[in-house]
Protein backbone atom coordinates (compact mmCIF):
# COMPACT_ATOMS: atom_id res chain seq x y z
CA UNK A 1 4.33 2.32 4.03
CA UNK A 2 7.98 3.28 4.32
CA UNK A 3 9.04 -0.06 2.84
CA UNK A 4 10.90 1.54 -0.07
CA UNK A 5 13.13 3.36 2.42
CA UNK A 6 13.84 0.01 4.12
CA UNK A 7 14.59 -1.52 0.69
CA UNK A 8 17.40 1.01 0.30
CA UNK A 9 18.97 -0.27 3.55
CA UNK A 10 18.56 -3.99 2.84
CA UNK A 11 17.74 -4.90 -0.77
CA UNK A 12 14.68 -7.08 -1.33
CA UNK A 13 12.12 -7.59 -4.08
CA UNK A 14 8.89 -5.74 -3.32
CA UNK A 15 5.76 -6.74 -5.24
CA UNK A 16 2.50 -4.79 -4.86
CA UNK A 17 -0.35 -6.40 -6.83
CA UNK A 18 -3.33 -4.18 -7.50
CA UNK A 19 -6.92 -5.02 -8.32
CA UNK A 20 -7.72 -3.77 -11.81
CA UNK A 21 -10.33 -1.07 -12.37
CA UNK A 22 -11.91 0.35 -15.50
CA UNK A 23 -11.61 3.99 -16.68
CA UNK A 24 -14.47 4.96 -14.33
CA UNK A 25 -12.71 3.49 -11.30
CA UNK A 26 -15.02 0.48 -11.03
CA UNK A 27 -13.76 -3.02 -10.40
CA UNK A 28 -14.77 -5.34 -13.22
CA UNK A 29 -15.37 -8.15 -10.73
CA UNK A 30 -17.86 -8.22 -7.84
CA UNK A 31 -15.03 -8.07 -5.34
CA UNK A 32 -11.52 -6.62 -5.55
CA UNK A 33 -10.13 -9.57 -3.57
CA UNK A 34 -11.34 -13.07 -2.76
CA UNK A 35 -10.10 -13.42 0.82
CA UNK A 36 -13.74 -13.74 1.89
CA UNK A 37 -14.33 -16.64 -0.48
CA UNK A 38 -14.91 -20.09 1.04
CA UNK A 39 -12.73 -21.55 -1.74
CA UNK A 40 -9.18 -21.89 -0.51
CA UNK A 41 -7.04 -24.16 -2.69
CA UNK A 42 -6.59 -24.03 -6.43
CA UNK A 43 -10.12 -22.59 -6.70
CA UNK A 44 -9.31 -19.28 -5.01
CA UNK A 45 -8.16 -16.67 -7.56
CA UNK A 46 -6.02 -14.78 -5.05
CA UNK A 47 -4.13 -17.86 -3.95
CA UNK A 48 -3.60 -18.82 -7.61
CA UNK A 49 -2.35 -15.27 -8.29
CA UNK A 50 0.04 -15.53 -5.32
CA UNK A 51 1.36 -18.90 -6.50
CA UNK A 52 1.83 -17.57 -10.04
CA UNK A 53 3.56 -14.41 -8.80
CA UNK A 54 6.12 -16.49 -6.93
CA UNK A 55 6.81 -18.65 -10.01
CA UNK A 56 7.11 -15.59 -12.24
CA UNK A 57 9.42 -13.75 -9.80
CA UNK A 58 11.58 -16.83 -9.35
CA UNK A 59 12.00 -17.10 -13.11
CA UNK A 60 12.95 -13.43 -13.53
CA UNK A 61 14.93 -12.55 -10.40
CA UNK A 62 17.34 -14.20 -8.04
CA UNK A 63 14.91 -14.73 -5.16
CA UNK A 64 15.13 -16.86 -2.01
CA UNK A 65 12.11 -19.16 -1.79
CA UNK A 66 12.75 -19.58 1.95
CA UNK A 67 12.26 -15.83 2.56
CA UNK A 68 8.81 -14.94 1.20
CA UNK A 69 6.78 -12.44 3.24
CA UNK A 70 3.38 -10.75 3.10
CA UNK A 71 2.18 -7.41 4.42
CA UNK A 72 -0.49 -4.83 3.69
CA UNK A 73 -3.07 -2.57 5.29
CA UNK A 74 -6.86 -2.74 5.53
CA UNK A 75 -8.08 -4.90 2.62
CA UNK A 76 -4.45 -5.74 1.94
CA UNK A 77 -4.05 -6.57 5.65
CA UNK A 78 -6.93 -9.02 5.30
CA UNK A 79 -5.34 -10.36 2.14
CA UNK A 80 -1.87 -10.78 3.67
CA UNK A 81 -3.40 -12.73 6.60
CA UNK A 82 -5.38 -14.88 4.19
CA UNK A 83 -2.31 -15.68 2.10
CA UNK A 84 -0.09 -16.38 5.14
CA UNK A 85 -2.65 -18.74 6.68
CA UNK A 86 -3.33 -20.63 3.44
CA UNK A 87 0.24 -20.64 2.13
CA UNK A 88 2.08 -21.34 5.39
CA UNK A 89 4.36 -23.81 3.61
CA UNK A 90 5.66 -20.87 1.54
CA UNK A 91 5.29 -17.71 3.66
CA UNK A 92 8.08 -17.21 6.22
CA UNK A 93 6.42 -14.30 8.13
CA UNK A 94 3.51 -11.84 7.90
CA UNK A 95 2.82 -8.30 9.12
CA UNK A 96 -0.82 -7.34 8.46
CA UNK A 97 -1.84 -3.77 9.36
CA UNK A 98 -5.51 -3.25 10.23
CA UNK A 99 -6.28 -6.73 8.97
CA UNK A 100 -7.94 -9.85 10.28
CA UNK A 101 -9.42 -13.10 9.07
CA UNK A 102 -12.99 -13.34 7.74
CA UNK A 103 -13.59 -17.12 7.65
CA UNK A 104 -13.76 -19.89 10.23
CA UNK A 105 -10.18 -20.53 11.32
CA UNK A 106 -8.62 -23.28 9.17
CA UNK A 107 -7.62 -26.60 10.70
CA UNK A 108 -3.95 -26.25 9.69
CA UNK A 109 -2.61 -22.72 9.34
CA UNK A 110 1.01 -23.75 9.81
CA UNK A 111 3.14 -21.73 12.22
CA UNK A 112 3.84 -18.46 10.44
CA UNK A 113 5.25 -15.70 12.73
CA UNK A 114 2.99 -12.60 12.72
CA UNK A 115 3.14 -8.96 13.71
CA UNK A 116 -0.47 -7.82 13.98
CA UNK A 117 -0.70 -3.99 13.85
CA UNK A 118 -3.80 -1.85 14.14
CA UNK A 119 -5.01 1.56 15.31
CA UNK A 120 -6.90 0.79 18.53
CA UNK A 121 -10.60 1.13 19.32
CA UNK A 122 -11.14 3.81 16.66
CA UNK A 123 -9.67 1.71 13.87
CA UNK A 124 -12.80 1.50 11.77
CA UNK A 125 -13.28 1.80 8.03
CA UNK A 126 -15.64 0.47 5.36
CA UNK A 127 -18.14 -0.45 8.11
CA UNK A 128 -15.55 -2.80 9.66
CA UNK A 129 -14.22 -2.77 13.20
CA UNK A 130 -10.53 -3.53 12.73
CA UNK A 131 -9.92 -3.34 16.49
CA UNK A 132 -12.17 -6.38 16.97
CA UNK A 133 -10.74 -8.11 13.92
CA UNK A 134 -7.13 -7.64 15.09
CA UNK A 135 -7.90 -8.94 18.57
CA UNK A 136 -9.74 -11.94 17.10
CA UNK A 137 -6.84 -12.64 14.77
CA UNK A 138 -4.34 -12.51 17.64
CA UNK A 139 -6.47 -14.93 19.70
CA UNK A 140 -6.74 -17.39 16.77
CA UNK A 141 -3.03 -17.21 16.00
CA UNK A 142 -2.04 -17.78 19.64
CA UNK A 143 -4.46 -20.70 20.02
CA UNK A 144 -2.96 -22.25 16.90
CA UNK A 145 0.62 -21.87 18.16
CA UNK A 146 1.94 -19.02 15.99
CA UNK A 147 4.47 -16.53 17.33
CA UNK A 148 2.57 -13.24 17.58
CA UNK A 149 3.65 -9.66 18.16
CA UNK A 150 0.82 -7.24 18.95
CA UNK A 151 1.24 -3.60 17.89
CA UNK A 152 -1.72 -1.37 18.82
CA UNK A 153 -0.40 2.00 17.61
CA UNK A 154 -3.64 3.85 18.45
CA UNK A 155 -3.60 5.98 15.27
CA UNK A 156 -6.97 4.78 13.95
CA UNK A 157 -7.12 3.36 10.40
CA UNK A 158 -3.69 4.55 9.29
CA UNK A 159 -0.29 3.01 8.61
CA UNK A 160 2.02 4.37 11.33
CA UNK A 161 5.10 6.28 10.14
CA UNK A 162 7.40 3.76 11.83
CA UNK A 163 5.42 0.77 10.51
CA UNK A 164 7.64 0.09 7.50
CA UNK A 165 10.73 -0.04 9.71
CA UNK A 166 9.41 -2.58 12.19
CA UNK A 167 7.61 -4.59 9.49
CA UNK A 168 10.87 -4.92 7.51
CA UNK A 169 12.87 -5.69 10.67
CA UNK A 170 10.49 -8.51 11.58
CA UNK A 171 9.99 -9.93 8.09
CA UNK A 172 13.62 -9.93 7.00
CA UNK A 173 14.68 -11.68 10.21
CA UNK A 174 12.68 -14.80 9.34
CA UNK A 175 13.46 -17.80 7.19
CA UNK A 176 10.85 -20.46 6.39
CA UNK A 177 10.68 -23.28 8.98
CA UNK A 178 13.41 -21.77 11.16
CA UNK A 179 12.77 -20.63 14.77
CA UNK A 180 11.86 -16.98 15.13
CA UNK A 181 14.69 -14.79 16.47
CA UNK A 182 11.99 -12.95 18.47
CA UNK A 183 10.76 -15.99 20.42
CA UNK A 184 12.71 -14.85 23.48
CA UNK A 185 11.64 -11.18 23.19
CA UNK A 186 11.63 -8.28 20.81
CA UNK A 187 14.86 -6.60 21.90
CA UNK A 188 15.69 -2.98 21.05
CA UNK A 189 14.36 -0.78 18.30
CA UNK A 190 10.65 -1.61 18.57
CA UNK A 191 7.91 0.96 19.33
CA UNK A 192 6.75 0.82 22.94
CA UNK A 193 3.29 -0.22 21.79
CA UNK A 194 4.58 -3.54 20.33
CA UNK A 195 4.53 -6.56 22.63
CA UNK A 196 5.33 -10.21 22.19
CA UNK A 197 2.06 -12.02 22.98
CA UNK A 198 2.76 -14.65 25.64
């Protein structure tokens, strides 16, 4: 993702949870993630995991609870969207890559700033059309009043080489419940394919 290189420029705690698999590579549960589950609150294992991770990190490291971010690609892009939408009182910004949202849009998704990145019309994987999912996500976010940056990099179902740089730039610029510094425009240093959605 290039995020480790960005961490060397501006220190931050990077956590990458992984779904467990047995010695044969099989997931012990029916699904690696529960972002497709209709259970959202304390009943959703992924949201409980996220809440517990934050508590554990806060107990072990000097972290800023006002600067919590989520990102990921493909299934992790779906997961980061799911967490941002359902934990908008905690997540300051989100940058899903080839993600989307698989449920009916929730009534209150807060106002989390998003960069939605995907690989254009050929961004397909695992029998999913991530081009359609990204466009649907952007429409839902805009309708709900989120600040949205659209980044169609056109490189199919891949994380673009420059993705870590612009994800870190966007995420680290945000603080929970503060206005986005990108509300008036993206400014310099962004790929030409990234646009503030008006």
